[in-house]
């Protein structure tokens, strides 16, 4: 069985840098994610059910917009 390598520094949705301070050797207190609101847990689980990598700020903003507009992701 082939297990794909997950790059923890990449967003699992767009595959660009997630700019995670922790992955870069910093602390969670210094990460960009401390300054944003996250969508409900169910939305995050639907968007990326099998990943434990951090989502990038851009994708968090898009997910929050989808929640605000009442849009359900189909991918």
N, C-alpha and C. Protein backbone atom coordinates (compact mmCIF):
# COMPACT_ATOMS: atom_id res chain seq x y z
N UNK A 1 0.85 -1.17 0.00
CA UNK A 1 0.00 0.00 0.00
C UNK A 1 0.89 1.23 0.00
N UNK A 2 0.52 2.22 -0.82
CA UNK A 2 1.29 3.44 -0.93
C UNK A 2 0.68 4.52 -0.04
N UNK A 3 1.47 5.07 0.88
CA UNK A 3 1.02 6.17 1.72
C UNK A 3 1.66 7.45 1.22
N UNK A 4 0.86 8.40 0.75
CA UNK A 4 1.43 9.65 0.25
C UNK A 4 2.08 10.45 1.38
N UNK A 5 3.15 11.15 1.05
CA UNK A 5 3.82 12.01 2.01
C UNK A 5 3.06 13.33 2.07
N UNK A 6 2.69 13.73 3.27
CA UNK A 6 1.97 14.99 3.45
C UNK A 6 2.96 16.05 3.86
N UNK A 7 3.03 17.10 3.08
CA UNK A 7 3.91 18.22 3.39
C UNK A 7 3.17 19.15 4.34
N UNK A 8 3.60 19.19 5.60
CA UNK A 8 2.90 19.95 6.63
C UNK A 8 2.94 21.46 6.41
N UNK A 9 3.86 21.95 5.59
CA UNK A 9 3.95 23.39 5.36
C UNK A 9 3.03 23.86 4.23
N UNK A 10 2.31 22.92 3.60
CA UNK A 10 1.41 23.27 2.50
C UNK A 10 -0.05 23.13 2.92
N UNK A 11 -0.85 24.04 2.45
CA UNK A 11 -2.30 23.99 2.70
C UNK A 11 -2.87 22.76 1.98
N UNK A 12 -3.66 21.94 2.67
CA UNK A 12 -4.21 20.74 2.03
C UNK A 12 -5.28 21.05 0.97
N UNK A 13 -5.77 22.29 0.94
CA UNK A 13 -6.81 22.65 -0.03
C UNK A 13 -6.23 23.22 -1.32
N UNK A 14 -5.31 24.18 -1.20
CA UNK A 14 -4.77 24.84 -2.40
C UNK A 14 -3.33 24.43 -2.71
N UNK A 15 -2.69 23.73 -1.78
CA UNK A 15 -1.32 23.21 -1.93
C UNK A 15 -0.27 24.32 -2.02
N UNK A 16 -0.60 25.50 -1.50
CA UNK A 16 0.38 26.58 -1.38
C UNK A 16 0.84 26.65 0.07
N UNK A 17 1.84 27.45 0.33
CA UNK A 17 2.35 27.59 1.70
C UNK A 17 1.24 28.01 2.64
N UNK A 18 1.18 27.35 3.80
CA UNK A 18 0.17 27.72 4.79
C UNK A 18 0.71 28.76 5.78
N UNK A 19 1.98 29.09 5.67
CA UNK A 19 2.63 30.11 6.52
C UNK A 19 2.43 29.85 8.00
N UNK A 20 2.44 28.59 8.38
CA UNK A 20 2.26 28.20 9.78
C UNK A 20 3.53 28.52 10.57
N UNK A 21 3.40 29.32 11.62
CA UNK A 21 4.55 29.68 12.44
C UNK A 21 5.14 28.46 13.14
N UNK A 22 4.29 27.55 13.56
CA UNK A 22 4.76 26.35 14.27
C UNK A 22 5.60 25.47 13.34
N UNK A 23 5.14 25.30 12.11
CA UNK A 23 5.89 24.49 11.14
C UNK A 23 7.23 25.15 10.79
N UNK A 24 7.32 26.47 10.98
CA UNK A 24 8.55 27.20 10.68
C UNK A 24 9.45 27.32 11.91
N UNK A 25 9.08 26.64 13.00
CA UNK A 25 9.90 26.65 14.20
C UNK A 25 9.50 27.70 15.23
N UNK A 26 8.42 28.43 14.97
CA UNK A 26 7.95 29.45 15.91
C UNK A 26 6.92 28.89 16.87
N UNK A 27 6.20 29.78 17.49
CA UNK A 27 5.17 29.38 18.45
C UNK A 27 3.79 29.68 17.89
N UNK A 28 2.81 28.99 18.41
CA UNK A 28 1.43 29.20 17.97
C UNK A 28 0.97 30.62 18.28
N UNK A 29 1.51 31.22 19.33
CA UNK A 29 1.14 32.60 19.68
C UNK A 29 1.53 33.59 18.58
N UNK A 30 2.55 33.25 17.79
CA UNK A 30 3.03 34.13 16.73
C UNK A 30 2.45 33.80 15.36
N UNK A 31 1.54 32.85 15.30
CA UNK A 31 0.99 32.42 14.01
C UNK A 31 -0.15 33.34 13.58
N UNK A 32 -0.29 33.50 12.29
CA UNK A 32 -1.37 34.33 11.72
C UNK A 32 -2.75 33.84 12.15
N UNK A 33 -2.87 32.54 12.44
CA UNK A 33 -4.18 31.97 12.74
C UNK A 33 -4.78 32.48 14.04
N UNK A 34 -3.96 33.08 14.89
CA UNK A 34 -4.50 33.64 16.13
C UNK A 34 -5.33 34.89 15.91
N UNK A 35 -5.25 35.48 14.72
CA UNK A 35 -5.97 36.71 14.45
C UNK A 35 -7.18 36.55 13.55
N UNK A 36 -7.59 35.32 13.26
CA UNK A 36 -8.73 35.12 12.37
C UNK A 36 -9.77 34.22 13.03
N UNK A 37 -10.98 34.34 12.54
CA UNK A 37 -12.05 33.45 12.99
C UNK A 37 -12.14 32.26 12.06
N UNK A 38 -12.31 31.10 12.61
CA UNK A 38 -12.40 29.88 11.81
C UNK A 38 -13.86 29.50 11.59
N UNK A 39 -14.15 28.86 10.46
CA UNK A 39 -15.51 28.38 10.24
C UNK A 39 -15.81 27.24 11.22
N UNK A 40 -17.09 26.85 11.32
CA UNK A 40 -17.44 25.75 12.22
C UNK A 40 -16.64 24.48 11.91
N UNK A 41 -16.44 23.69 12.93
CA UNK A 41 -15.66 22.45 12.83
C UNK A 41 -16.17 21.54 11.71
N UNK A 42 -17.48 21.45 11.54
CA UNK A 42 -18.07 20.59 10.52
C UNK A 42 -17.64 21.03 9.11
N UNK A 43 -17.54 22.33 8.91
CA UNK A 43 -17.12 22.86 7.60
C UNK A 43 -15.68 22.48 7.33
N UNK A 44 -14.82 22.60 8.34
CA UNK A 44 -13.41 22.22 8.17
C UNK A 44 -13.28 20.72 7.91
N UNK A 45 -14.04 19.91 8.62
CA UNK A 45 -13.98 18.46 8.42
C UNK A 45 -14.47 18.07 7.03
N UNK A 46 -15.49 18.74 6.53
CA UNK A 46 -15.99 18.46 5.18
C UNK A 46 -14.96 18.86 4.13
N UNK A 47 -14.27 19.96 4.36
CA UNK A 47 -13.30 20.48 3.39
C UNK A 47 -12.04 19.63 3.33
N UNK A 48 -11.62 19.07 4.44
CA UNK A 48 -10.37 18.31 4.48
C UNK A 48 -10.46 17.18 5.50
N UNK A 49 -11.23 16.15 5.21
CA UNK A 49 -11.47 15.09 6.18
C UNK A 49 -10.26 14.25 6.57
N UNK A 50 -9.25 14.15 5.73
CA UNK A 50 -8.16 13.24 6.04
C UNK A 50 -6.81 13.93 6.19
N UNK A 51 -6.80 15.21 6.47
CA UNK A 51 -5.54 15.92 6.60
C UNK A 51 -5.42 16.56 7.96
N UNK A 52 -4.19 16.62 8.46
CA UNK A 52 -3.96 17.35 9.71
C UNK A 52 -3.00 18.52 9.48
N UNK A 53 -2.82 18.91 8.22
CA UNK A 53 -2.01 20.08 7.90
C UNK A 53 -2.84 21.34 8.13
N UNK A 54 -2.16 22.44 8.38
CA UNK A 54 -2.84 23.72 8.56
C UNK A 54 -3.35 24.25 7.22
N UNK A 55 -4.51 24.86 7.26
CA UNK A 55 -5.07 25.53 6.09
C UNK A 55 -4.48 26.92 6.03
N UNK A 56 -4.28 27.44 4.83
CA UNK A 56 -3.72 28.79 4.69
C UNK A 56 -4.80 29.84 4.97
N UNK A 57 -4.35 31.06 5.19
CA UNK A 57 -5.27 32.16 5.52
C UNK A 57 -6.26 32.41 4.39
N UNK A 58 -5.82 32.32 3.16
CA UNK A 58 -6.69 32.55 2.02
C UNK A 58 -7.83 31.53 1.97
N UNK A 59 -7.51 30.27 2.21
CA UNK A 59 -8.56 29.23 2.19
C UNK A 59 -9.50 29.37 3.38
N UNK A 60 -8.98 29.80 4.54
CA UNK A 60 -9.85 30.05 5.69
C UNK A 60 -10.84 31.16 5.35
N UNK A 61 -10.34 32.22 4.69
CA UNK A 61 -11.22 33.32 4.29
C UNK A 61 -12.31 32.83 3.33
N UNK A 62 -11.92 31.98 2.38
CA UNK A 62 -12.90 31.44 1.42
C UNK A 62 -13.94 30.57 2.12
N UNK A 63 -13.51 29.73 3.05
CA UNK A 63 -14.45 28.88 3.78
C UNK A 63 -15.40 29.73 4.61
N UNK A 64 -14.88 30.79 5.24
CA UNK A 64 -15.74 31.69 6.01
C UNK A 64 -16.76 32.38 5.11
N UNK A 65 -16.35 32.77 3.91
CA UNK A 65 -17.28 33.39 2.97
C UNK A 65 -18.37 32.40 2.56
N UNK A 66 -17.98 31.15 2.34
CA UNK A 66 -18.96 30.13 1.97
C UNK A 66 -20.00 29.96 3.07
N UNK A 67 -19.56 29.97 4.33
CA UNK A 67 -20.48 29.85 5.46
C UNK A 67 -21.41 31.05 5.50
N UNK A 68 -20.86 32.24 5.34
CA UNK A 68 -21.66 33.46 5.36
C UNK A 68 -22.71 33.47 4.26
N UNK A 69 -22.32 32.99 3.07
CA UNK A 69 -23.23 32.97 1.93
C UNK A 69 -24.14 31.74 1.90
N UNK A 70 -23.87 30.78 2.78
CA UNK A 70 -24.67 29.56 2.80
C UNK A 70 -24.35 28.59 1.67
N UNK A 71 -23.11 28.64 1.21
CA UNK A 71 -22.67 27.77 0.11
C UNK A 71 -22.09 26.49 0.68
N UNK A 72 -22.44 25.35 0.11
CA UNK A 72 -21.90 24.05 0.53
C UNK A 72 -20.88 23.59 -0.51
N UNK A 73 -19.66 23.28 -0.04
CA UNK A 73 -18.60 22.79 -0.94
C UNK A 73 -18.98 21.46 -1.54
N UNK A 74 -18.65 21.26 -2.78
CA UNK A 74 -18.94 20.00 -3.46
C UNK A 74 -17.69 19.17 -3.71
N UNK A 75 -16.52 19.72 -3.48
CA UNK A 75 -15.29 18.96 -3.72
C UNK A 75 -14.92 18.29 -2.49
